[in-house]
PDB file of N, CA and C in Angstrom:
ATOM      1  N   UNK A   1      72.062-127.325  25.588  1.00  0.00           N
ATOM      2  CA  UNK A   1      72.444-128.512  24.844  1.00  0.00           C
ATOM      3  C   UNK A   1      71.221-129.231  24.298  1.00  0.00           C
ATOM      4  N   UNK A   2      70.155-129.326  25.097  1.00  0.00           N
ATOM      5  CA  UNK A   2      68.942-130.002  24.641  1.00  0.00           C
ATOM      6  C   UNK A   2      68.337-129.299  23.438  1.00  0.00           C
ATOM      7  N   UNK A   3      68.335-127.973  23.435  1.00  0.00           N
ATOM      8  CA  UNK A   3      67.786-127.202  22.317  1.00  0.00           C
ATOM      9  C   UNK A   3      68.550-127.548  21.037  1.00  0.00           C
ATOM     10  N   UNK A   4      69.865-127.636  21.129  1.00  0.00           N
ATOM     11  CA  UNK A   4      70.694-127.954  19.973  1.00  0.00           C
ATOM     12  C   UNK A   4      70.408-129.349  19.445  1.00  0.00           C
ATOM     13  N   UNK A   5      70.203-130.302  20.341  1.00  0.00           N
ATOM     14  CA  UNK A   5      69.884-131.677  19.926  1.00  0.00           C
ATOM     15  C   UNK A   5      68.531-131.737  19.236  1.00  0.00           C
ATOM     16  N   UNK A   6      67.546-131.019  19.767  1.00  0.00           N
ATOM     17  CA  UNK A   6      66.222-130.999  19.140  1.00  0.00           C
ATOM     18  C   UNK A   6      66.289-130.385  17.748  1.00  0.00           C
ATOM     19  N   UNK A   7      67.029-129.304  17.623  1.00  0.00           N
ATOM     20  CA  UNK A   7      67.159-128.655  16.314  1.00  0.00           C
ATOM     21  C   UNK A   7      67.853-129.584  15.321  1.00  0.00           C
ATOM     22  N   UNK A   8      68.878-130.279  15.787  1.00  0.00           N
ATOM     23  CA  UNK A   8      69.588-131.208  14.920  1.00  0.00           C
ATOM     24  C   UNK A   8      68.683-132.361  14.487  1.00  0.00           C
ATOM     25  N   UNK A   9      67.890-132.904  15.407  1.00  0.00           N
ATOM     26  CA  UNK A   9      66.959-133.973  15.076  1.00  0.00           C
ATOM     27  C   UNK A   9      65.894-133.506  14.093  1.00  0.00           C
ATOM     28  N   UNK A  10      65.391-132.293  14.278  1.00  0.00           N
ATOM     29  CA  UNK A  10      64.397-131.744  13.368  1.00  0.00           C
ATOM     30  C   UNK A  10      64.993-131.568  11.974  1.00  0.00           C
ATOM     31  N   UNK A  11      66.192-131.038  11.902  1.00  0.00           N
ATOM     32  CA  UNK A  11      66.865-130.856  10.620  1.00  0.00           C
ATOM     33  C   UNK A  11      67.098-132.196   9.933  1.00  0.00           C
ATOM     34  N   UNK A  12      67.504-133.193  10.679  1.00  0.00           N
ATOM     35  CA  UNK A  12      67.728-134.522  10.137  1.00  0.00           C
ATOM     36  C   UNK A  12      66.418-135.120   9.621  1.00  0.00           C
ATOM     37  N   UNK A  13      65.353-134.969  10.366  1.00  0.00           N
ATOM     38  CA  UNK A  13      64.046-135.496   9.948  1.00  0.00           C
ATOM     39  C   UNK A  13      63.574-134.828   8.663  1.00  0.00           C
ATOM     40  N   UNK A  14      63.745-133.525   8.560  1.00  0.00           N
ATOM     41  CA  UNK A  14      63.338-132.803   7.357  1.00  0.00           C
ATOM     42  C   UNK A  14      64.178-133.205   6.157  1.00  0.00           C
ATOM     43  N   UNK A  15      65.430-133.485   6.382  1.00  0.00           N
ATOM     44  CA  UNK A  15      66.329-133.897   5.301  1.00  0.00           C
ATOM     45  C   UNK A  15      65.954-135.266   4.768  1.00  0.00           C
ATOM     46  N   UNK A  16      65.527-136.154   5.643  1.00  0.00           N
ATOM     47  CA  UNK A  16      65.196-137.510   5.246  1.00  0.00           C
ATOM     48  C   UNK A  16      63.774-137.644   4.718  1.00  0.00           C
ATOM     49  N   UNK A  17      62.934-136.631   4.909  1.00  0.00           N
ATOM     50  CA  UNK A  17      61.563-136.667   4.433  1.00  0.00           C
ATOM     51  C   UNK A  17      61.527-136.275   2.973  1.00  0.00           C
ATOM     52  N   UNK A  18      60.851-137.078   2.115  1.00  0.00           N
ATOM     53  CA  UNK A  18      60.774-136.722   0.709  1.00  0.00           C
ATOM     54  C   UNK A  18      60.069-135.390   0.514  1.00  0.00           C
ATOM     55  N   UNK A  19      60.447-134.664  -0.539  1.00  0.00           N
ATOM     56  CA  UNK A  19      59.868-133.353  -0.815  1.00  0.00           C
ATOM     57  C   UNK A  19      58.386-133.472  -1.134  1.00  0.00           C
ATOM     58  N   UNK A  20      57.999-134.506  -1.834  1.00  0.00           N
ATOM     59  CA  UNK A  20      56.600-134.695  -2.203  1.00  0.00           C
ATOM     60  C   UNK A  20      56.131-136.045  -1.684  1.00  0.00           C
ATOM     61  N   UNK A  21      54.895-136.093  -1.228  1.00  0.00           N
ATOM     62  CA  UNK A  21      54.340-137.354  -0.776  1.00  0.00           C
ATOM     63  C   UNK A  21      53.804-138.153  -1.947  1.00  0.00           C
ATOM     64  N   UNK A  22      53.366-139.349  -1.654  1.00  0.00           N
ATOM     65  CA  UNK A  22      52.782-140.205  -2.672  1.00  0.00           C
ATOM     66  C   UNK A  22      51.477-139.600  -3.174  1.00  0.00           C
ATOM     67  N   UNK A  23      51.120-139.938  -4.397  1.00  0.00           N
ATOM     68  CA  UNK A  23      49.905-139.411  -5.004  1.00  0.00           C
ATOM     69  C   UNK A  23      49.132-140.527  -5.698  1.00  0.00           C
ATOM     70  N   UNK A  24      47.857-140.292  -5.927  1.00  0.00           N
ATOM     71  CA  UNK A  24      47.049-141.220  -6.705  1.00  0.00           C
ATOM     72  C   UNK A  24      47.705-141.383  -8.077  1.00  0.00           C
ATOM     73  N   UNK A  25      47.824-142.615  -8.536  1.00  0.00           N
ATOM     74  CA  UNK A  25      48.435-142.904  -9.827  1.00  0.00           C
ATOM     75  C   UNK A  25      49.910-143.234  -9.757  1.00  0.00           C
ATOM     76  N   UNK A  26      50.539-143.013  -8.601  1.00  0.00           N
ATOM     77  CA  UNK A  26      51.958-143.341  -8.462  1.00  0.00           C
ATOM     78  C   UNK A  26      52.173-144.851  -8.546  1.00  0.00           C
ATOM     79  N   UNK A  27      53.379-145.245  -8.953  1.00  0.00           N
ATOM     80  CA  UNK A  27      53.723-146.660  -8.948  1.00  0.00           C
ATOM     81  C   UNK A  27      53.940-147.113  -7.514  1.00  0.00           C
ATOM     82  N   UNK A  28      53.750-148.400  -7.267  1.00  0.00           N
ATOM     83  CA  UNK A  28      53.854-148.917  -5.901  1.00  0.00           C
ATOM     84  C   UNK A  28      53.991-150.432  -5.941  1.00  0.00           C
ATOM     85  N   UNK A  29      54.434-150.973  -4.828  1.00  0.00           N
ATOM     86  CA  UNK A  29      54.454-152.423  -4.657  1.00  0.00           C
ATOM     87  C   UNK A  29      53.782-152.815  -3.347  1.00  0.00           C
ATOM     88  N   UNK A  30      53.426-151.815  -2.525  1.00  0.00           N
ATOM     89  CA  UNK A  30      52.715-152.085  -1.279  1.00  0.00           C
ATOM     90  C   UNK A  30      51.840-150.877  -0.928  1.00  0.00           C
ATOM     91  N   UNK A  31      50.821-151.117  -0.110  1.00  0.00           N
ATOM     92  CA  UNK A  31      49.903-150.055   0.298  1.00  0.00           C
ATOM     93  C   UNK A  31      50.608-148.918   1.023  1.00  0.00           C
ATOM     94  N   UNK A  32      51.668-149.220   1.740  1.00  0.00           N
ATOM     95  CA  UNK A  32      52.371-148.201   2.521  1.00  0.00           C
ATOM     96  C   UNK A  32      53.031-147.142   1.640  1.00  0.00           C
ATOM     97  N   UNK A  33      53.189-147.410   0.359  1.00  0.00           N
ATOM     98  CA  UNK A  33      53.794-146.447  -0.560  1.00  0.00           C
ATOM     99  C   UNK A  33      52.763-145.475  -1.132  1.00  0.00           C
ATOM    100  N   UNK A  34      51.503-145.660  -0.787  1.00  0.00           N
ATOM    101  CA  UNK A  34      50.410-144.846  -1.322  1.00  0.00           C
ATOM    102  C   UNK A  34      49.922-143.835  -0.285  1.00  0.00           C
ATOM    103  N   UNK A  35      49.179-142.814  -0.743  1.00  0.00           N
ATOM    104  CA  UNK A  35      48.651-141.829   0.202  1.00  0.00           C
ATOM    105  C   UNK A  35      47.750-142.491   1.248  1.00  0.00           C
ATOM    106  N   UNK A  36      47.634-141.858   2.374  1.00  0.00           N
ATOM    107  CA  UNK A  36      46.785-142.353   3.452  1.00  0.00           C
ATOM    108  C   UNK A  36      45.360-142.564   2.934  1.00  0.00           C
ATOM    109  N   UNK A  37      44.770-143.704   3.249  1.00  0.00           N
ATOM    110  CA  UNK A  37      43.413-144.003   2.836  1.00  0.00           C
ATOM    111  C   UNK A  37      43.312-144.649   1.466  1.00  0.00           C
ATOM    112  N   UNK A  38      44.429-144.808   0.779  1.00  0.00           N
ATOM    113  CA  UNK A  38      44.409-145.457  -0.535  1.00  0.00           C
ATOM    114  C   UNK A  38      45.193-146.764  -0.450  1.00  0.00           C
ATOM    115  N   UNK A  39      45.206-147.490  -1.552  1.00  0.00           N
ATOM    116  CA  UNK A  39      45.916-148.771  -1.570  1.00  0.00           C
ATOM    117  C   UNK A  39      46.646-148.934  -2.894  1.00  0.00           C
ATOM    118  N   UNK A  40      47.508-149.939  -2.962  1.00  0.00           N
ATOM    119  CA  UNK A  40      48.278-150.239  -4.160  1.00  0.00           C
ATOM    120  C   UNK A  40      47.566-151.329  -4.953  1.00  0.00           C
ATOM    121  N   UNK A  41      47.074-150.965  -6.131  1.00  0.00           N
ATOM    122  CA  UNK A  41      46.455-151.946  -7.019  1.00  0.00           C
ATOM    123  C   UNK A  41      47.574-152.605  -7.813  1.00  0.00           C
ATOM    124  N   UNK A  42      47.980-153.781  -7.372  1.00  0.00           N
ATOM    125  CA  UNK A  42      49.104-154.480  -7.992  1.00  0.00           C
ATOM    126  C   UNK A  42      48.714-155.217  -9.272  1.00  0.00           C
ATOM    127  N   UNK A  43      47.431-155.150  -9.667  1.00  0.00           N
ATOM    128  CA  UNK A  43      47.035-155.728 -10.952  1.00  0.00           C
ATOM    129  C   UNK A  43      47.394-154.794 -12.103  1.00  0.00           C
ATOM    130  N   UNK A  44      47.687-153.547 -11.799  1.00  0.00           N
ATOM    131  CA  UNK A  44      48.078-152.556 -12.811  1.00  0.00           C
ATOM    132  C   UNK A  44      49.597-152.615 -12.997  1.00  0.00           C
ATOM    133  N   UNK A  45      50.098-152.352 -14.217  1.00  0.00           N
ATOM    134  CA  UNK A  45      51.548-152.380 -14.458  1.00  0.00           C
ATOM    135  C   UNK A  45      52.318-151.457 -13.513  1.00  0.00           C
ATOM    136  N   UNK A  46      53.273-152.023 -12.779  1.00  0.00           N
ATOM    137  CA  UNK A  46      54.073-151.252 -11.835  1.00  0.00           C
ATOM    138  C   UNK A  46      53.331-150.847 -10.581  1.00  0.00           C
ATOM    139  N   UNK A  47      52.106-151.336 -10.406  1.00  0.00           N
ATOM    140  CA  UNK A  47      51.270-150.941  -9.276  1.00  0.00           C
ATOM    141  C   UNK A  47      50.687-149.558  -9.517  1.00  0.00           C
ATOM    142  N   UNK A  48      49.556-149.248  -8.888  1.00  0.00           N
ATOM    143  CA  UNK A  48      48.866-147.973  -9.098  1.00  0.00           C
ATOM    144  C   UNK A  48      48.176-147.591  -7.803  1.00  0.00           C
ATOM    145  N   UNK A  49      48.594-146.496  -7.189  1.00  0.00           N
ATOM    146  CA  UNK A  49      47.944-146.023  -5.969  1.00  0.00           C
ATOM    147  C   UNK A  49      46.554-145.499  -6.315  1.00  0.00           C
ATOM    148  N   UNK A  50      45.536-146.000  -5.639  1.00  0.00           N
ATOM    149  CA  UNK A  50      44.161-145.597  -5.917  1.00  0.00           C
ATOM    150  C   UNK A  50      43.302-145.743  -4.670  1.00  0.00           C
ATOM    151  N   UNK A  51      42.079-145.266  -4.774  1.00  0.00           N
ATOM    152  CA  UNK A  51      41.073-145.423  -3.731  1.00  0.00           C
ATOM    153  C   UNK A  51      39.821-145.972  -4.390  1.00  0.00           C
ATOM    154  N   UNK A  52      39.215-146.956  -3.784  1.00  0.00           N
ATOM    155  CA  UNK A  52      38.019-147.593  -4.354  1.00  0.00           C
ATOM    156  C   UNK A  52      36.757-146.992  -3.740  1.00  0.00           C
ATOM    157  N   UNK A  53      35.659-147.079  -4.468  1.00  0.00           N
ATOM    158  CA  UNK A  53      34.341-146.621  -4.010  1.00  0.00           C
ATOM    159  C   UNK A  53      34.301-145.126  -3.735  1.00  0.00           C
ATOM    160  N   UNK A  54      34.899-144.352  -4.620  1.00  0.00           N
ATOM    161  CA  UNK A  54      34.868-142.895  -4.466  1.00  0.00           C
ATOM    162  C   UNK A  54      33.575-142.340  -5.044  1.00  0.00           C
ATOM    163  N   UNK A  55      33.335-141.079  -4.721  1.00  0.00           N
ATOM    164  CA  UNK A  55      32.250-140.304  -5.314  1.00  0.00           C
ATOM    165  C   UNK A  55      32.864-139.007  -5.820  1.00  0.00           C
ATOM    166  N   UNK A  56      32.211-138.350  -6.777  1.00  0.00           N
ATOM    167  CA  UNK A  56      32.760-137.076  -7.265  1.00  0.00           C
ATOM    168  C   UNK A  56      33.085-136.136  -6.104  1.00  0.00           C
ATOM    169  N   UNK A  57      34.257-135.569  -6.136  1.00  0.00           N
ATOM    170  CA  UNK A  57      34.705-134.661  -5.079  1.00  0.00           C
ATOM    171  C   UNK A  57      35.457-135.343  -3.956  1.00  0.00           C
ATOM    172  N   UNK A  58      35.484-136.681  -3.928  1.00  0.00           N
ATOM    173  CA  UNK A  58      36.169-137.423  -2.859  1.00  0.00           C
ATOM    174  C   UNK A  58      37.676-137.514  -3.054  1.00  0.00           C
ATOM    175  N   UNK A  59      38.139-137.453  -4.276  1.00  0.00           N
ATOM    176  CA  UNK A  59      39.541-137.752  -4.580  1.00  0.00           C
ATOM    177  C   UNK A  59      40.454-136.554  -4.305  1.00  0.00           C
ATOM    178  N   UNK A  60      41.714-136.826  -3.968  1.00  0.00           N
ATOM    179  CA  UNK A  60      42.669-135.748  -3.687  1.00  0.00           C
ATOM    180  C   UNK A  60      42.959-134.911  -4.939  1.00  0.00           C
ATOM    181  N   UNK A  61      43.536-133.735  -4.741  1.00  0.00           N
ATOM    182  CA  UNK A  61      43.933-132.871  -5.848  1.00  0.00           C
ATOM    183  C   UNK A  61      44.768-133.653  -6.845  1.00  0.00           C
ATOM    184  N   UNK A  62      44.551-133.385  -8.119  1.00  0.00           N
ATOM    185  CA  UNK A  62      45.309-134.050  -9.163  1.00  0.00           C
ATOM    186  C   UNK A  62      44.731-135.387  -9.584  1.00  0.00           C
ATOM    187  N   UNK A  63      43.617-135.782  -8.958  1.00  0.00           N
ATOM    188  CA  UNK A  63      42.983-137.042  -9.326  1.00  0.00           C
ATOM    189  C   UNK A  63      41.484-136.825  -9.484  1.00  0.00           C
ATOM    190  N   UNK A  64      40.844-137.802 -10.074  1.00  0.00           N
ATOM    191  CA  UNK A  64      39.417-137.709 -10.362  1.00  0.00           C
ATOM    192  C   UNK A  64      38.756-139.051 -10.080  1.00  0.00           C
ATOM    193  N   UNK A  65      37.508-139.018  -9.643  1.00  0.00           N
ATOM    194  CA  UNK A  65      36.750-140.240  -9.396  1.00  0.00           C
ATOM    195  C   UNK A  65      36.159-140.709 -10.716  1.00  0.00           C
ATOM    196  N   UNK A  66      36.471-141.948 -11.083  1.00  0.00           N
ATOM    197  CA  UNK A  66      35.996-142.520 -12.343  1.00  0.00           C
ATOM    198  C   UNK A  66      35.110-143.715 -12.028  1.00  0.00           C
ATOM    199  N   UNK A  67      33.881-143.698 -12.577  1.00  0.00           N
ATOM    200  CA  UNK A  67      32.996-144.856 -12.436  1.00  0.00           C
ATOM    201  C   UNK A  67      33.084-145.666 -13.724  1.00  0.00           C
ATOM    202  N   UNK A  68      33.407-146.931 -13.576  1.00  0.00           N
ATOM    203  CA  UNK A  68      33.565-147.824 -14.717  1.00  0.00           C
ATOM    204  C   UNK A  68      32.253-148.550 -15.004  1.00  0.00           C
ATOM    205  N   UNK A  69      32.169-149.204 -16.146  1.00  0.00           N
ATOM    206  CA  UNK A  69      30.927-149.846 -16.594  1.00  0.00           C
ATOM    207  C   UNK A  69      30.439-150.939 -15.645  1.00  0.00           C
ATOM    208  N   UNK A  70      31.335-151.500 -14.844  1.00  0.00           N
ATOM    209  CA  UNK A  70      30.931-152.534 -13.881  1.00  0.00           C
ATOM    210  C   UNK A  70      30.363-151.937 -12.589  1.00  0.00           C
ATOM    211  N   UNK A  71      30.258-150.602 -12.529  1.00  0.00           N
ATOM    212  CA  UNK A  71      29.702-149.926 -11.358  1.00  0.00           C
ATOM    213  C   UNK A  71      30.721-149.582 -10.292  1.00  0.00           C
ATOM    214  N   UNK A  72      31.955-150.069 -10.434  1.00  0.00           N
ATOM    215  CA  UNK A  72      33.000-149.744  -9.461  1.00  0.00           C
ATOM    216  C   UNK A  72      33.597-148.380  -9.784  1.00  0.00           C
ATOM    217  N   UNK A  73      33.996-147.668  -8.748  1.00  0.00           N
ATOM    218  CA  UNK A  73      34.599-146.350  -8.944  1.00  0.00           C
ATOM    219  C   UNK A  73      35.933-146.276  -8.214  1.00  0.00           C
ATOM    220  N   UNK A  74      36.873-145.576  -8.847  1.00  0.00           N
ATOM    221  CA  UNK A  74      38.230-145.460  -8.319  1.00  0.00           C
ATOM    222  C   UNK A  74      38.735-144.037  -8.520  1.00  0.00           C
ATOM    223  N   UNK A  75      39.574-143.570  -7.602  1.00  0.00           N
ATOM    224  CA  UNK A  75      40.306-142.327  -7.813  1.00  0.00           C
ATOM    225  C   UNK A  75      41.453-142.640  -8.767  1.00  0.00           C
ATOM    226  N   UNK A  76      41.537-141.870  -9.845  1.00  0.00           N
ATOM    227  CA  UNK A  76      42.548-142.083 -10.874  1.00  0.00           C
ATOM    228  C   UNK A  76      43.307-140.785 -11.103  1.00  0.00           C
ATOM    229  N   UNK A  77      44.554-140.907 -11.536  1.00  0.00           N
ATOM    230  CA  UNK A  77      45.410-139.763 -11.823  1.00  0.00           C
ATOM    231  C   UNK A  77      44.836-138.983 -13.006  1.00  0.00           C
ATOM    232  N   UNK A  78      44.559-137.708 -12.805  1.00  0.00           N
ATOM    233  CA  UNK A  78      43.986-136.867 -13.857  1.00  0.00           C
ATOM    234  C   UNK A  78      45.079-136.446 -14.836  1.00  0.00           C
ATOM    235  N   UNK A  79      44.716-136.281 -16.125  1.00  0.00           N
ATOM    236  CA  UNK A  79      45.696-135.920 -17.142  1.00  0.00           C
ATOM    237  C   UNK A  79      45.068-135.012 -18.194  1.00  0.00           C
ATOM    238  N   UNK A  80      45.932-134.394 -18.999  1.00  0.00           N
ATOM    239  CA  UNK A  80      45.483-133.614 -20.149  1.00  0.00           C
ATOM    240  C   UNK A  80      45.832-134.350 -21.445  1.00  0.00           C
ATOM    241  N   UNK A  81      46.942-135.093 -21.401  1.00  0.00           N
ATOM    242  CA  UNK A  81      47.372-135.879 -22.564  1.00  0.00           C
ATOM    243  C   UNK A  81      48.298-136.988 -22.094  1.00  0.00           C
ATOM    244  N   UNK A  82      48.724-137.851 -23.015  1.00  0.00           N
ATOM    245  CA  UNK A  82      49.560-139.001 -22.660  1.00  0.00           C
ATOM    246  C   UNK A  82      50.852-138.610 -21.961  1.00  0.00           C
ATOM    247  N   UNK A  83      51.368-137.422 -22.245  1.00  0.00           N
ATOM    248  CA  UNK A  83      52.603-136.963 -21.612  1.00  0.00           C
ATOM    249  C   UNK A  83      52.484-136.763 -20.117  1.00  0.00           C
ATOM    250  N   UNK A  84      51.255-136.648 -19.606  1.00  0.00           N
ATOM    251  CA  UNK A  84      51.035-136.486 -18.167  1.00  0.00           C
ATOM    252  C   UNK A  84      51.043-137.810 -17.421  1.00  0.00           C
ATOM    253  N   UNK A  85      51.022-138.910 -18.153  1.00  0.00           N
ATOM    254  CA  UNK A  85      50.903-140.240 -17.540  1.00  0.00           C
ATOM    255  C   UNK A  85      52.249-140.959 -17.483  1.00  0.00           C
ATOM    256  N   UNK A  86      52.321-141.926 -16.586  1.00  0.00           N
ATOM    257  CA  UNK A  86      53.504-142.769 -16.467  1.00  0.00           C
ATOM    258  C   UNK A  86      53.713-143.570 -17.741  1.00  0.00           C
ATOM    259  N   UNK A  87      54.920-144.081 -17.910  1.00  0.00           N
ATOM    260  CA  UNK A  87      55.232-144.977 -19.017  1.00  0.00           C
ATOM    261  C   UNK A  87      54.279-146.174 -18.949  1.00  0.00           C
ATOM    262  N   UNK A  88      53.824-146.677 -20.071  1.00  0.00           N
ATOM    263  CA  UNK A  88      52.875-147.784 -20.178  1.00  0.00           C
ATOM    264  C   UNK A  88      51.433-147.388 -19.853  1.00  0.00           C
ATOM    265  N   UNK A  89      51.189-146.109 -19.616  1.00  0.00           N
ATOM    266  CA  UNK A  89      49.837-145.623 -19.327  1.00  0.00           C
ATOM    267  C   UNK A  89      49.456-144.574 -20.363  1.00  0.00           C
ATOM    268  N   UNK A  90      48.156-144.442 -20.596  1.00  0.00           N
ATOM    269  CA  UNK A  90      47.637-143.460 -21.533  1.00  0.00           C
ATOM    270  C   UNK A  90      46.603-142.579 -20.852  1.00  0.00           C
ATOM    271  N   UNK A  91      46.385-141.422 -21.427  1.00  0.00           N
ATOM    272  CA  UNK A  91      45.356-140.512 -20.952  1.00  0.00           C
ATOM    273  C   UNK A  91      44.037-140.942 -21.596  1.00  0.00           C
ATOM    274  N   UNK A  92      43.162-141.533 -20.806  1.00  0.00           N
ATOM    275  CA  UNK A  92      41.894-142.083 -21.285  1.00  0.00           C
ATOM    276  C   UNK A  92      40.832-140.985 -21.262  1.00  0.00           C
ATOM    277  N   UNK A  93      40.211-140.759 -22.410  1.00  0.00           N
ATOM    278  CA  UNK A  93      39.197-139.702 -22.518  1.00  0.00           C
ATOM    279  C   UNK A  93      37.811-140.262 -22.816  1.00  0.00           C
ATOM    280  N   UNK A  94      37.696-141.564 -23.020  1.00  0.00           N
ATOM    281  CA  UNK A  94      36.436-142.171 -23.445  1.00  0.00           C
ATOM    282  C   UNK A  94      35.530-142.618 -22.301  1.00  0.00           C
ATOM    283  N   UNK A  95      35.992-142.466 -21.064  1.00  0.00           N
ATOM    284  CA  UNK A  95      35.210-142.893 -19.898  1.00  0.00           C
ATOM    285  C   UNK A  95      35.114-141.723 -18.932  1.00  0.00           C
ATOM    286  N   UNK A  96      33.924-141.432 -18.454  1.00  0.00           N
ATOM    287  CA  UNK A  96      33.749-140.399 -17.441  1.00  0.00           C
ATOM    288  C   UNK A  96      33.848-138.986 -17.997  1.00  0.00           C
ATOM    289  N   UNK A  97      33.810-138.029 -17.079  1.00  0.00           N
ATOM    290  CA  UNK A  97      33.810-136.617 -17.450  1.00  0.00           C
ATOM    291  C   UNK A  97      35.202-136.033 -17.624  1.00  0.00           C
ATOM    292  N   UNK A  98      36.190-136.614 -16.939  1.00  0.00           N
ATOM    293  CA  UNK A  98      37.543-136.065 -16.948  1.00  0.00           C
ATOM    294  C   UNK A  98      38.531-137.120 -17.426  1.00  0.00           C
ATOM    295  N   UNK A  99      39.524-136.731 -18.202  1.00  0.00           N
ATOM    296  CA  UNK A  99      40.544-137.699 -18.635  1.00  0.00           C
ATOM    297  C   UNK A  99      41.393-138.167 -17.450  1.00  0.00           C
ATOM    298  N   UNK A 100      41.858-139.415 -17.535  1.00  0.00           N
ATOM    299  CA  UNK A 100      42.647-139.999 -16.451  1.00  0.00           C
ATOM    300  C   UNK A 100      43.658-140.977 -17.016  1.00  0.00           C
ATOM    301  N   UNK A 101      44.703-141.241 -16.244  1.00  0.00           N
ATOM    302  CA  UNK A 101      45.774-142.156 -16.660  1.00  0.00           C
ATOM    303  C   UNK A 101      45.406-143.588 -16.287  1.00  0.00           C
ATOM    304  N   UNK A 102      45.476-144.448 -17.297  1.00  0.00           N
ATOM    305  CA  UNK A 102      45.237-145.870 -17.068  1.00  0.00           C
ATOM    306  C   UNK A 102      45.799-146.640 -18.265  1.00  0.00           C
ATOM    307  N   UNK A 103      45.668-147.940 -18.192  1.00  0.00           N
ATOM    308  CA  UNK A 103      46.053-148.777 -19.327  1.00  0.00           C
ATOM    309  C   UNK A 103      44.807-148.995 -20.161  1.00  0.00           C
ATOM    310  N   UNK A 104      44.994-149.137 -21.466  1.00  0.00           N
ATOM    311  CA  UNK A 104      43.835-149.386 -22.318  1.00  0.00           C
ATOM    312  C   UNK A 104      43.481-150.862 -22.269  1.00  0.00           C
ATOM    313  N   UNK A 105      42.178-151.139 -22.415  1.00  0.00           N
ATOM    314  CA  UNK A 105      41.720-152.529 -22.425  1.00  0.00           C
ATOM    315  C   UNK A 105      42.095-153.219 -23.705  1.00  0.00           C
TER     316      UNK A 105
END
């Protein structure tokens, strides 16, 4: 009986777990909605999961470390064109080595 209960609990847990976890660039309203070690930048439209003070190679797959003119660096969602970005975001190619999703200034 215990084996059956454990299997049922495991199946229930897997069913309730989202197929994909949060990623850099996802919309958010709190830090808990972002990947571990990142936070929700609520100054961005719809919130933006990011990590501050990154260095090249620090960011998770699908994201890139971008250093801005003020010297601050953030992990940003990597893109090839505007279609890869969320609504209200564009694929920025004028800053850094790799294009990333953000709002234009």
